Amino acid sequence: MESELLAKRRKSLEEEFFAKENARLRRELQARRERESAREALRIAGITSEPLCDRLLDMGIDAEAVAALALVPLVAVAWADGEIHEREREAILHAARDAGLPENRPAYQLIEGWLTHAPDTHLLELWADYVRCLCAELEPARQREFRDELLGRTRAIAEAAGGFLGLTSKISAKEQAILDRLAGAFPIA
């Protein structure tokens, strides 16, 4: 009688273990499928570097959020002084709408989040990797055009907060350092 009870208990424990293990394996398989789907979407969006794809996915940036990634320089320069000024915020959200990001989509909400809480410093490094991969596909003249347009928009954000009572430069030393770092991401002179 006792051995029959122990046998039933052992079988019950085994079934519970395998049910939990199967559920864990299903979750892992689903996560791998979702990651591969997101990786394929990034490839379609033009990001062919596998290491860059991995870094983007690790930071939660999928194909839709690549459009938000293009606005990282604006966010970085706005946070240069440690806070976002209302005029900077409005200018960045306007740039997001101009880039075709609808307000009800996750990419726009991602940008809003970056304007509420300063993004991780790795985001700017990730953006620089993205730019280098993108520039590898562009002719030098197109690279310069891309750089100049981006730095112009970023400079406008830096100037949005303005100097103190119009007496100081509109661009702070910290903002200029970010602008210089952004320019350095481009492989052209």
Foldseek 3Di string as FASTA:
>chain_A
DVVVVVVVVVVVVVVVVVVVVVVVVVVVVVVVVVLVVQLVLVVVLPDDDPVLSVVCVVVVHGNVLVLLLLLVLLLCLCCLVPAHDPQSVVLSLVVSVVSVNDCVDVNSVVVVVCNVPPDDPVSVVSSLVVLASVVVPPDPVVLVVSLVVSLVSSVVSQLRVADDVNPDGSHDPSSVVSSVVSSVSRPDD
